[in-house]
Amino acid sequence: MTQNCILLGAPLDSGKRREGCLMGPDAYRTAGLADALRDLGHNVEDRGNVSPGDYAPEDPKEHLYALNQTVAWTKALNRAAQDAMTDGLPIFLGGDHALAMGTVTGVAAHAAKINRPQFVLWLDAHSDFHNLASTGSGNLHGTPAGYFAGREGFAPFPPVPHPVPRENICMMGLRSVDPAEREAMQGTGIRLHDMRDIDENGVVKPLQSFLEQVSAANGMLHVSLDVDFLDPSVAPAVGTTVPGGATVREAHLVCEILHDSGLMTSMDLVELNPFLDERGRTAHLMVDLCASAFGRQVFDRPTRSFL
């Protein structure tokens, strides 16, 4: 099925203190994302980079890092997401994972307008389910799932009129979850699949079970793919490396199943830090995974050398 793919750069680098993710959108473009999608027969429109606009100076005494900037990004990305959803399937090129505070709330607002439920597949080593009070680091890239799921304690961020129901969220690849997040998620109905679960049961059954839920509800599916879903041995360009992540083959299988389902309606590619990459290795892998989610077959994959 031909898609109208809308590329939106989100050079958001305010969700944590280690810089570099603002270069992510250009790295995806340089790695050939648009051409890869066109080669698969899709229409591609690159709308350039979103801007956060003006925001108040940060309070140096504030525990939360770059709070005002991240609030501004959230508002801008929410608007951009709603606009893009009316025209096609947006792919948000990050940028750190704080961008999902805007992208997911934006696509969920669109889903509410057309009276369809929103679902989220969260492919990440971390659950990112903190609120502003529970994050010990003060890094806001650890809070987006808590925000779009409707947790309290997010002022001065905009209220979330259409939170994603907890039972409509599936997290896969988890292997670094703080006690406060674990406590907040217990009994919520969120589907949680850590790497032990994947080691024991694989990715196919839990993913297909979730996709069956999405299909039965005629839902909209947002996929948020963090570089650290992958093992750092194959995807080193991320500032939050956690050993024991998904293999290249497991990640491709997830993306291939997503394409086969025909359910994905929006996507994030996040936490790529090109400053930490090895000759574009991670950027190319993320582009290849995105291509798999849009129909690239195993026989179509390019052979790459990084020597």
C-alpha atoms as a PDB file:
ATOM      1  CA  MET A   1       0.000   0.000   0.000  1.00  0.00           C
ATOM      2  CA  THR A   2       1.391   3.391  -1.022  1.00  0.00           C
ATOM      3  CA  GLN A   3       1.728   5.849   1.842  1.00  0.00           C
ATOM      4  CA  ASN A   4       2.064   9.614   1.887  1.00  0.00           C
ATOM      5  CA  CYS A   5       5.098   9.809   4.177  1.00  0.00           C
ATOM      6  CA  ILE A   6       5.662  13.189   5.786  1.00  0.00           C
ATOM      7  CA  LEU A   7       9.122  13.732   7.236  1.00  0.00           C
ATOM      8  CA  LEU A   8       9.314  16.182  10.125  1.00  0.00           C
ATOM      9  CA  GLY A   9      12.653  16.952  11.720  1.00  0.00           C
ATOM     10  CA  ALA A  10      12.590  17.462  15.470  1.00  0.00           C
ATOM     11  CA  PRO A  11      16.111  18.580  16.483  1.00  0.00           C
ATOM     12  CA  LEU A  12      15.088  18.579  20.128  1.00  0.00           C
ATOM     13  CA  ASP A  13      18.107  18.241  22.402  1.00  0.00           C
ATOM     14  CA  SER A  14      16.643  19.542  25.645  1.00  0.00           C
ATOM     15  CA  GLY A  15      15.474  16.286  27.205  1.00  0.00           C
ATOM     16  CA  LYS A  16      18.885  15.465  28.672  1.00  0.00           C
ATOM     17  CA  ARG A  17      22.236  17.038  29.388  1.00  0.00           C
ATOM     18  CA  ARG A  18      24.347  15.139  26.851  1.00  0.00           C
ATOM     19  CA  GLU A  19      24.220  17.034  23.591  1.00  0.00           C
ATOM     20  CA  GLY A  20      24.174  15.710  20.046  1.00  0.00           C
ATOM     21  CA  CYS A  21      20.618  14.590  19.225  1.00  0.00           C
ATOM     22  CA  LEU A  22      19.889  17.892  17.496  1.00  0.00           C
ATOM     23  CA  MET A  23      21.969  16.505  14.608  1.00  0.00           C
ATOM     24  CA  GLY A  24      19.702  13.468  14.280  1.00  0.00           C
ATOM     25  CA  PRO A  25      17.292  14.783  11.605  1.00  0.00           C
ATOM     26  CA  ASP A  26      20.136  15.699   9.250  1.00  0.00           C
ATOM     27  CA  ALA A  27      21.775  12.317   9.842  1.00  0.00           C
ATOM     28  CA  TYR A  28      18.591  10.498   8.807  1.00  0.00           C
ATOM     29  CA  ARG A  29      18.356  12.623   5.694  1.00  0.00           C
ATOM     30  CA  THR A  30      22.021  12.067   4.851  1.00  0.00           C
ATOM     31  CA  ALA A  31      21.594   8.319   5.368  1.00  0.00           C
ATOM     32  CA  GLY A  32      18.974   8.318   2.619  1.00  0.00           C
ATOM     33  CA  LEU A  33      15.657   7.907   4.422  1.00  0.00           C
ATOM     34  CA  ALA A  34      13.612   9.756   1.811  1.00  0.00           C
ATOM     35  CA  ASP A  35      15.149   7.806  -1.079  1.00  0.00           C
ATOM     36  CA  ALA A  36      14.627   4.500   0.745  1.00  0.00           C
ATOM     37  CA  LEU A  37      10.918   5.251   1.130  1.00  0.00           C
ATOM     38  CA  ARG A  38      10.558   6.448  -2.469  1.00  0.00           C
ATOM     39  CA  ASP A  39      12.275   3.297  -3.712  1.00  0.00           C
ATOM     40  CA  LEU A  40       9.508   1.357  -1.985  1.00  0.00           C
ATOM     41  CA  GLY A  41       6.906   3.262  -3.973  1.00  0.00           C
ATOM     42  CA  HIS A  42       5.819   5.726  -1.285  1.00  0.00           C
ATOM     43  CA  ASN A  43       5.235   9.432  -1.719  1.00  0.00           C
ATOM     44  CA  VAL A  44       7.592  11.465   0.451  1.00  0.00           C
ATOM     45  CA  GLU A  45       7.235  15.073   1.561  1.00  0.00           C
ATOM     46  CA  ASP A  46      10.010  16.531   3.721  1.00  0.00           C
ATOM     47  CA  ARG A  47       8.583  19.473   5.639  1.00  0.00           C
ATOM     48  CA  GLY A  48      11.937  20.394   7.138  1.00  0.00           C
ATOM     49  CA  ASN A  49      12.529  20.911  10.837  1.00  0.00           C
ATOM     50  CA  VAL A  50       9.994  21.985  13.436  1.00  0.00           C
ATOM     51  CA  SER A  51      11.038  24.930  15.618  1.00  0.00           C
ATOM     52  CA  PRO A  52      10.066  25.394  19.282  1.00  0.00           C
ATOM     53  CA  GLY A  53       9.602  29.142  18.894  1.00  0.00           C
ATOM     54  CA  ASP A  54      10.352  31.540  21.716  1.00  0.00           C
ATOM     55  CA  TYR A  55      10.466  30.448  25.353  1.00  0.00           C
ATOM     56  CA  ALA A  56      11.375  32.035  28.680  1.00  0.00           C
ATOM     57  CA  PRO A  57      14.951  31.783  30.022  1.00  0.00           C
ATOM     58  CA  GLU A  58      15.598  28.720  32.150  1.00  0.00           C
ATOM     59  CA  ASP A  59      15.729  29.036  35.931  1.00  0.00           C
ATOM     60  CA  PRO A  60      19.250  27.970  36.997  1.00  0.00           C
ATOM     61  CA  LYS A  61      17.782  26.764  40.309  1.00  0.00           C
ATOM     62  CA  GLU A  62      15.283  24.489  38.593  1.00  0.00           C
ATOM     63  CA  HIS A  63      15.955  20.766  39.080  1.00  0.00           C
ATOM     64  CA  LEU A  64      14.367  19.933  35.740  1.00  0.00           C
ATOM     65  CA  TYR A  65      16.785  20.425  32.849  1.00  0.00           C
ATOM     66  CA  ALA A  66      15.682  22.824  30.064  1.00  0.00           C
ATOM     67  CA  LEU A  67      12.064  22.818  31.264  1.00  0.00           C
ATOM     68  CA  ASN A  68      10.868  25.902  29.365  1.00  0.00           C
ATOM     69  CA  GLN A  69      12.507  24.815  26.141  1.00  0.00           C
ATOM     70  CA  THR A  70      10.955  21.355  26.342  1.00  0.00           C
ATOM     71  CA  VAL A  71       7.513  22.820  27.024  1.00  0.00           C
ATOM     72  CA  ALA A  72       7.898  24.963  23.893  1.00  0.00           C
ATOM     73  CA  TRP A  73       8.961  21.934  21.850  1.00  0.00           C
ATOM     74  CA  THR A  74       5.967  19.968  23.132  1.00  0.00           C
ATOM     75  CA  LYS A  75       3.519  22.635  22.006  1.00  0.00           C
ATOM     76  CA  ALA A  76       5.162  23.013  18.584  1.00  0.00           C
ATOM     77  CA  LEU A  77       5.362  19.271  17.906  1.00  0.00           C
ATOM     78  CA  ASN A  78       1.782  18.740  19.040  1.00  0.00           C
ATOM     79  CA  ARG A  79       0.608  21.266  16.436  1.00  0.00           C
ATOM     80  CA  ALA A  80       2.886  19.844  13.734  1.00  0.00           C
ATOM     81  CA  ALA A  81       1.676  16.307  14.436  1.00  0.00           C
ATOM     82  CA  GLN A  82      -1.983  17.247  14.202  1.00  0.00           C
ATOM     83  CA  ASP A  83      -1.385  19.086  10.921  1.00  0.00           C
ATOM     84  CA  ALA A  84       0.599  16.205   9.405  1.00  0.00           C
ATOM     85  CA  MET A  85      -1.930  13.548  10.364  1.00  0.00           C
ATOM     86  CA  THR A  86      -4.514  15.144   8.092  1.00  0.00           C
ATOM     87  CA  ASP A  87      -2.199  14.713   5.090  1.00  0.00           C
ATOM     88  CA  GLY A  88      -0.511  11.348   5.543  1.00  0.00           C
ATOM     89  CA  LEU A  89       1.726   9.288   7.786  1.00  0.00           C
ATOM     90  CA  PRO A  90       4.204  11.479   9.687  1.00  0.00           C
ATOM     91  CA  ILE A  91       7.687  10.236  10.547  1.00  0.00           C
ATOM     92  CA  PHE A  92       9.281  12.380  13.240  1.00  0.00           C
ATOM     93  CA  LEU A  93      13.061  12.496  13.009  1.00  0.00           C
ATOM     94  CA  GLY A  94      14.569  13.076  16.427  1.00  0.00           C
ATOM     95  CA  GLY A  95      15.906  14.452  18.521  1.00  0.00           C
ATOM     96  CA  ASP A  96      15.722  12.911  21.992  1.00  0.00           C
ATOM     97  CA  HIS A  97      12.704  11.042  23.298  1.00  0.00           C
ATOM     98  CA  ALA A  98      11.192  14.078  25.006  1.00  0.00           C
ATOM     99  CA  LEU A  99       9.825  14.832  21.539  1.00  0.00           C
ATOM    100  CA  ALA A 100       7.150  12.157  22.126  1.00  0.00           C
ATOM    101  CA  MET A 101       5.470  14.493  24.610  1.00  0.00           C
ATOM    102  CA  GLY A 102       4.411  16.517  21.570  1.00  0.00           C
ATOM    103  CA  THR A 103       4.191  13.906  18.835  1.00  0.00           C
ATOM    104  CA  VAL A 104       2.064  11.366  20.695  1.00  0.00           C
ATOM    105  CA  THR A 105      -0.311  13.917  22.220  1.00  0.00           C
ATOM    106  CA  GLY A 106      -0.669  15.440  18.748  1.00  0.00           C
ATOM    107  CA  VAL A 107      -1.522  12.206  16.958  1.00  0.00           C
ATOM    108  CA  ALA A 108      -3.848  11.234  19.830  1.00  0.00           C
ATOM    109  CA  ALA A 109      -5.691  14.533  19.440  1.00  0.00           C
ATOM    110  CA  HIS A 110      -6.171  13.771  15.753  1.00  0.00           C
ATOM    111  CA  ALA A 111      -7.424  10.267  16.570  1.00  0.00           C
ATOM    112  CA  ALA A 112      -9.964  11.754  18.957  1.00  0.00           C
ATOM    113  CA  LYS A 113     -11.190  14.132  16.235  1.00  0.00           C
ATOM    114  CA  ILE A 114     -11.989  11.230  13.928  1.00  0.00           C
ATOM    115  CA  ASN A 115     -13.349   9.103  16.777  1.00  0.00           C
ATOM    116  CA  ARG A 116     -10.700   6.380  16.715  1.00  0.00           C
ATOM    117  CA  PRO A 117      -8.673   5.100  19.693  1.00  0.00           C
ATOM    118  CA  GLN A 118      -4.948   5.807  19.866  1.00  0.00           C
ATOM    119  CA  PHE A 119      -2.428   3.038  20.531  1.00  0.00           C
ATOM    120  CA  VAL A 120       1.329   3.313  21.128  1.00  0.00           C
ATOM    121  CA  LEU A 121       4.074   0.746  20.557  1.00  0.00           C
ATOM    122  CA  TRP A 122       7.076   1.903  22.633  1.00  0.00           C
ATOM    123  CA  LEU A 123      10.326   0.251  21.487  1.00  0.00           C
ATOM    124  CA  ASP A 124      12.855   1.334  24.086  1.00  0.00           C
ATOM    125  CA  ALA A 125      15.217   0.146  26.796  1.00  0.00           C
ATOM    126  CA  HIS A 126      13.458   2.572  29.153  1.00  0.00           C
ATOM    127  CA  SER A 127       9.804   3.020  30.035  1.00  0.00           C
ATOM    128  CA  ASP A 128      10.136   6.840  30.310  1.00  0.00           C
ATOM    129  CA  PHE A 129       7.146   6.818  32.671  1.00  0.00           C
ATOM    130  CA  HIS A 130       8.352   9.393  35.207  1.00  0.00           C
ATOM    131  CA  ASN A 131       6.462  12.568  35.999  1.00  0.00           C
ATOM    132  CA  LEU A 132       8.172  15.834  36.890  1.00  0.00           C
ATOM    133  CA  ALA A 133       8.317  14.981  40.586  1.00  0.00           C
ATOM    134  CA  SER A 134       9.654  11.440  40.285  1.00  0.00           C
ATOM    135  CA  THR A 135      12.552  11.977  37.884  1.00  0.00           C
ATOM    136  CA  GLY A 136      15.707  11.946  39.930  1.00  0.00           C
ATOM    137  CA  SER A 137      17.938  13.087  37.079  1.00  0.00           C
ATOM    138  CA  GLY A 138      15.720  15.961  35.998  1.00  0.00           C
ATOM    139  CA  ASN A 139      16.127  14.794  32.384  1.00  0.00           C
ATOM    140  CA  LEU A 140      12.785  15.145  30.645  1.00  0.00           C
ATOM    141  CA  HIS A 141      13.431  12.429  28.057  1.00  0.00           C
ATOM    142  CA  GLY A 142      12.507  10.097  30.928  1.00  0.00           C
ATOM    143  CA  THR A 143       8.954  11.474  31.149  1.00  0.00           C
ATOM    144  CA  PRO A 144       7.117  11.335  27.782  1.00  0.00           C
ATOM    145  CA  ALA A 145       5.192   8.097  28.312  1.00  0.00           C
ATOM    146  CA  GLY A 146       4.013   9.316  31.692  1.00  0.00           C
ATOM    147  CA  TYR A 147       2.854  12.548  30.077  1.00  0.00           C
ATOM    148  CA  PHE A 148       0.913  11.143  27.126  1.00  0.00           C
ATOM    149  CA  ALA A 149      -0.610   8.448  29.350  1.00  0.00           C
ATOM    150  CA  GLY A 150      -2.164  11.154  31.500  1.00  0.00           C
ATOM    151  CA  ARG A 151      -0.129  10.979  34.706  1.00  0.00           C
ATOM    152  CA  GLU A 152      -0.565  13.931  37.024  1.00  0.00           C
ATOM    153  CA  GLY A 153       2.272  16.255  37.962  1.00  0.00           C
ATOM    154  CA  PHE A 154       3.238  17.802  34.616  1.00  0.00           C
ATOM    155  CA  ALA A 155       2.492  21.506  35.037  1.00  0.00           C
ATOM    156  CA  PRO A 156       3.641  23.769  33.311  1.00  0.00           C
ATOM    157  CA  PHE A 157       3.275  21.404  30.343  1.00  0.00           C
ATOM    158  CA  PRO A 158      -0.076  21.764  28.549  1.00  0.00           C
ATOM    159  CA  PRO A 159      -2.891  19.576  29.876  1.00  0.00           C
ATOM    160  CA  VAL A 160      -3.449  16.391  27.863  1.00  0.00           C
ATOM    161  CA  PRO A 161      -7.094  16.345  26.768  1.00  0.00           C
ATOM    162  CA  HIS A 162      -6.808  12.954  25.064  1.00  0.00           C
ATOM    163  CA  PRO A 163      -4.373  10.768  27.022  1.00  0.00           C
ATOM    164  CA  VAL A 164      -3.530   7.383  25.563  1.00  0.00           C
ATOM    165  CA  PRO A 165      -5.322   4.750  27.664  1.00  0.00           C
ATOM    166  CA  ARG A 166      -2.814   2.656  29.589  1.00  0.00           C
ATOM    167  CA  GLU A 167      -4.198  -0.586  28.166  1.00  0.00           C
ATOM    168  CA  ASN A 168      -3.467   0.800  24.669  1.00  0.00           C
ATOM    169  CA  ILE A 169       0.281   1.041  25.330  1.00  0.00           C
ATOM    170  CA  CYS A 170       2.765  -1.769  24.647  1.00  0.00           C
ATOM    171  CA  MET A 171       6.417  -1.425  25.688  1.00  0.00           C
ATOM    172  CA  MET A 172       8.995  -3.805  24.256  1.00  0.00           C
ATOM    173  CA  GLY A 173      12.724  -4.115  24.877  1.00  0.00           C
ATOM    174  CA  LEU A 174      12.715  -2.842  28.468  1.00  0.00           C
ATOM    175  CA  ARG A 175      15.848  -3.387  30.518  1.00  0.00           C
ATOM    176  CA  SER A 176      16.296  -0.189  32.557  1.00  0.00           C
ATOM    177  CA  VAL A 177      13.238   0.831  34.594  1.00  0.00           C
ATOM    178  CA  ASP A 178      13.499   2.910  37.766  1.00  0.00           C
ATOM    179  CA  PRO A 179      11.616   1.784  40.904  1.00  0.00           C
ATOM    180  CA  ALA A 180       9.359   4.865  40.791  1.00  0.00           C
ATOM    181  CA  GLU A 181       8.373   4.067  37.206  1.00  0.00           C
ATOM    182  CA  ARG A 182       7.788   0.408  38.006  1.00  0.00           C
ATOM    183  CA  GLU A 183       5.519   1.336  40.889  1.00  0.00           C
ATOM    184  CA  ALA A 184       3.580   3.834  38.754  1.00  0.00           C
ATOM    185  CA  MET A 185       2.995   1.263  36.002  1.00  0.00           C
ATOM    186  CA  GLN A 186       1.900  -1.624  38.198  1.00  0.00           C
ATOM    187  CA  GLY A 187      -1.709  -2.554  37.649  1.00  0.00           C
ATOM    188  CA  THR A 188      -2.209  -0.007  34.854  1.00  0.00           C
ATOM    189  CA  GLY A 189      -2.802  -2.444  32.018  1.00  0.00           C
ATOM    190  CA  ILE A 190       0.291  -1.368  30.080  1.00  0.00           C
ATOM    191  CA  ARG A 191       1.778  -4.346  28.239  1.00  0.00           C
ATOM    192  CA  LEU A 192       5.368  -4.631  29.479  1.00  0.00           C
ATOM    193  CA  HIS A 193       7.856  -6.887  27.689  1.00  0.00           C
ATOM    194  CA  ASP A 194      11.396  -6.742  28.985  1.00  0.00           C
ATOM    195  CA  MET A 195      14.342  -8.437  27.310  1.00  0.00           C
ATOM    196  CA  ARG A 196      14.007 -11.549  29.462  1.00  0.00           C
ATOM    197  CA  ASP A 197      10.458 -11.925  28.181  1.00  0.00           C
ATOM    198  CA  ILE A 198      11.725 -11.496  24.616  1.00  0.00           C
ATOM    199  CA  ASP A 199      14.568 -13.980  25.228  1.00  0.00           C
ATOM    200  CA  GLU A 200      12.106 -16.553  26.533  1.00  0.00           C
ATOM    201  CA  ASN A 201       9.150 -15.977  24.212  1.00  0.00           C
ATOM    202  CA  GLY A 202      10.467 -14.020  21.214  1.00  0.00           C
ATOM    203  CA  VAL A 203       9.010 -10.853  19.722  1.00  0.00           C
ATOM    204  CA  VAL A 204       6.349 -12.378  17.479  1.00  0.00           C
ATOM    205  CA  LYS A 205       3.658 -13.528  19.904  1.00  0.00           C
ATOM    206  CA  PRO A 206       3.542 -10.438  22.156  1.00  0.00           C
ATOM    207  CA  LEU A 207       3.646  -8.072  19.187  1.00  0.00           C
ATOM    208  CA  GLN A 208       0.965  -9.927  17.253  1.00  0.00           C
ATOM    209  CA  SER A 209      -1.235 -10.052  20.345  1.00  0.00           C
ATOM    210  CA  PHE A 210      -0.973  -6.268  20.688  1.00  0.00           C
ATOM    211  CA  LEU A 211      -1.608  -5.688  16.990  1.00  0.00           C
ATOM    212  CA  GLU A 212      -4.709  -7.851  17.159  1.00  0.00           C
ATOM    213  CA  GLN A 213      -5.961  -5.527  19.902  1.00  0.00           C
ATOM    214  CA  VAL A 214      -5.267  -2.483  17.723  1.00  0.00           C
ATOM    215  CA  SER A 215      -7.022  -4.022  14.732  1.00  0.00           C
ATOM    216  CA  ALA A 216     -10.069  -5.120  16.710  1.00  0.00           C
ATOM    217  CA  ALA A 217     -10.523  -1.560  17.983  1.00  0.00           C
ATOM    218  CA  ASN A 218      -9.923   0.060  14.554  1.00  0.00           C
ATOM    219  CA  GLY A 219      -7.153   1.945  16.304  1.00  0.00           C
ATOM    220  CA  MET A 220      -4.493   4.392  15.198  1.00  0.00           C
ATOM    221  CA  LEU A 221      -0.984   3.062  15.935  1.00  0.00           C
ATOM    222  CA  HIS A 222       1.964   5.286  16.769  1.00  0.00           C
ATOM    223  CA  VAL A 223       5.350   3.526  16.836  1.00  0.00           C
ATOM    224  CA  SER A 224       8.122   5.181  18.834  1.00  0.00           C
ATOM    225  CA  LEU A 225      11.490   3.598  18.024  1.00  0.00           C
ATOM    226  CA  ASP A 226      14.400   4.555  20.279  1.00  0.00           C
ATOM    227  CA  VAL A 227      17.955   3.736  19.180  1.00  0.00           C
ATOM    228  CA  ASP A 228      18.555   2.096  22.560  1.00  0.00           C
ATOM    229  CA  PHE A 229      15.902  -0.525  21.807  1.00  0.00           C
ATOM    230  CA  LEU A 230      18.836  -2.038  19.928  1.00  0.00           C
ATOM    231  CA  ASP A 231      21.929  -3.493  21.525  1.00  0.00           C
ATOM    232  CA  PRO A 232      24.707  -0.872  21.651  1.00  0.00           C
ATOM    233  CA  SER A 233      27.075  -3.289  19.905  1.00  0.00           C
ATOM    234  CA  VAL A 234      25.076  -2.721  16.701  1.00  0.00           C
ATOM    235  CA  ALA A 235      23.758   0.784  17.396  1.00  0.00           C
ATOM    236  CA  PRO A 236      26.378   2.778  19.334  1.00  0.00           C
ATOM    237  CA  ALA A 237      25.068   6.292  18.547  1.00  0.00           C
ATOM    238  CA  VAL A 238      23.018   6.824  21.677  1.00  0.00           C
ATOM    239  CA  GLY A 239      23.844   8.519  24.954  1.00  0.00           C
ATOM    240  CA  THR A 240      21.868   6.048  27.097  1.00  0.00           C
ATOM    241  CA  THR A 241      23.446   2.711  26.176  1.00  0.00           C
ATOM    242  CA  VAL A 242      22.078  -0.335  27.990  1.00  0.00           C
ATOM    243  CA  PRO A 243      23.664  -3.703  27.102  1.00  0.00           C
ATOM    244  CA  GLY A 244      21.463  -6.631  26.160  1.00  0.00           C
ATOM    245  CA  GLY A 245      19.173  -4.969  23.655  1.00  0.00           C
ATOM    246  CA  ALA A 246      17.437  -6.288  20.574  1.00  0.00           C
ATOM    247  CA  THR A 247      19.489  -7.786  17.787  1.00  0.00           C
ATOM    248  CA  VAL A 248      19.375  -6.439  14.253  1.00  0.00           C
ATOM    249  CA  ARG A 249      17.295  -9.417  13.182  1.00  0.00           C
ATOM    250  CA  GLU A 250      14.807  -9.028  16.059  1.00  0.00           C
ATOM    251  CA  ALA A 251      14.382  -5.343  15.256  1.00  0.00           C
ATOM    252  CA  HIS A 252      13.843  -6.028  11.563  1.00  0.00           C
ATOM    253  CA  LEU A 253      11.308  -8.712  12.420  1.00  0.00           C
ATOM    254  CA  VAL A 254       9.339  -6.231  14.553  1.00  0.00           C
ATOM    255  CA  CYS A 255       9.325  -3.734  11.692  1.00  0.00           C
ATOM    256  CA  GLU A 256       8.383  -6.354   9.109  1.00  0.00           C
ATOM    257  CA  ILE A 257       5.443  -7.480  11.241  1.00  0.00           C
ATOM    258  CA  LEU A 258       4.361  -3.857  11.609  1.00  0.00           C
ATOM    259  CA  HIS A 259       4.319  -3.484   7.843  1.00  0.00           C
ATOM    260  CA  ASP A 260       2.435  -6.732   7.355  1.00  0.00           C
ATOM    261  CA  SER A 261      -0.222  -5.512   9.794  1.00  0.00           C
ATOM    262  CA  GLY A 262      -0.880  -2.292   7.864  1.00  0.00           C
ATOM    263  CA  LEU A 263      -1.801  -0.629  11.166  1.00  0.00           C
ATOM    264  CA  MET A 264       0.948   1.951  11.717  1.00  0.00           C
ATOM    265  CA  THR A 265      -0.281   5.537  11.293  1.00  0.00           C
ATOM    266  CA  SER A 266       2.688   7.542  12.648  1.00  0.00           C
ATOM    267  CA  MET A 267       6.272   6.968  13.773  1.00  0.00           C
ATOM    268  CA  ASP A 268       9.113   8.442  15.862  1.00  0.00           C
ATOM    269  CA  LEU A 269      12.799   7.747  15.225  1.00  0.00           C
ATOM    270  CA  VAL A 270      14.546   9.033  18.337  1.00  0.00           C
ATOM    271  CA  GLU A 271      17.722   9.371  20.409  1.00  0.00           C
ATOM    272  CA  LEU A 272      20.143   9.166  17.477  1.00  0.00           C
ATOM    273  CA  ASN A 273      23.292  11.062  18.473  1.00  0.00           C
ATOM    274  CA  PRO A 274      25.477  11.226  15.341  1.00  0.00           C
ATOM    275  CA  PHE A 275      28.363  12.584  17.422  1.00  0.00           C
ATOM    276  CA  LEU A 276      28.634   9.107  18.966  1.00  0.00           C
ATOM    277  CA  ASP A 277      28.171   7.133  15.747  1.00  0.00           C
ATOM    278  CA  GLU A 278      30.724   5.096  13.785  1.00  0.00           C
ATOM    279  CA  ARG A 279      30.747   6.253  10.143  1.00  0.00           C
ATOM    280  CA  GLY A 280      26.980   6.564  10.069  1.00  0.00           C
ATOM    281  CA  ARG A 281      26.458   2.970  11.154  1.00  0.00           C
ATOM    282  CA  THR A 282      23.532   3.623  13.498  1.00  0.00           C
ATOM    283  CA  ALA A 283      21.864   6.145  11.210  1.00  0.00           C
ATOM    284  CA  HIS A 284      21.928   3.658   8.333  1.00  0.00           C
ATOM    285  CA  LEU A 285      20.550   0.894  10.552  1.00  0.00           C
ATOM    286  CA  MET A 286      17.669   3.081  11.725  1.00  0.00           C
ATOM    287  CA  VAL A 287      16.900   3.998   8.113  1.00  0.00           C
ATOM    288  CA  ASP A 288      16.940   0.301   7.202  1.00  0.00           C
ATOM    289  CA  LEU A 289      14.548  -0.488  10.058  1.00  0.00           C
ATOM    290  CA  CYS A 290      12.217   2.279   8.972  1.00  0.00           C
ATOM    291  CA  ALA A 291      12.336   0.889   5.435  1.00  0.00           C
ATOM    292  CA  SER A 292      11.376  -2.547   6.787  1.00  0.00           C
ATOM    293  CA  ALA A 293       8.371  -0.974   8.504  1.00  0.00           C
ATOM    294  CA  PHE A 294       7.341   0.417   5.114  1.00  0.00           C
ATOM    295  CA  GLY A 295       7.720  -2.769   3.120  1.00  0.00           C
ATOM    296  CA  ARG A 296      11.348  -3.515   2.326  1.00  0.00           C
ATOM    297  CA  GLN A 297      11.829  -7.266   1.942  1.00  0.00           C
ATOM    298  CA  VAL A 298      14.841  -9.170   3.233  1.00  0.00           C
ATOM    299  CA  PHE A 299      16.080  -9.700  -0.336  1.00  0.00           C
ATOM    300  CA  ASP A 300      15.999  -5.955  -0.990  1.00  0.00           C
ATOM    301  CA  ARG A 301      18.388  -4.940   1.771  1.00  0.00           C
ATOM    302  CA  PRO A 302      21.634  -3.234   0.798  1.00  0.00           C
ATOM    303  CA  THR A 303      24.958  -4.622   1.897  1.00  0.00           C
ATOM    304  CA  ARG A 304      26.921  -2.062   3.890  1.00  0.00           C
ATOM    305  CA  SER A 305      30.551  -1.883   4.921  1.00  0.00           C
ATOM    306  CA  PHE A 306      31.746   0.262   7.805  1.00  0.00           C
ATOM    307  CA  LEU A 307      35.422  -0.650   7.588  1.00  0.00           C
END
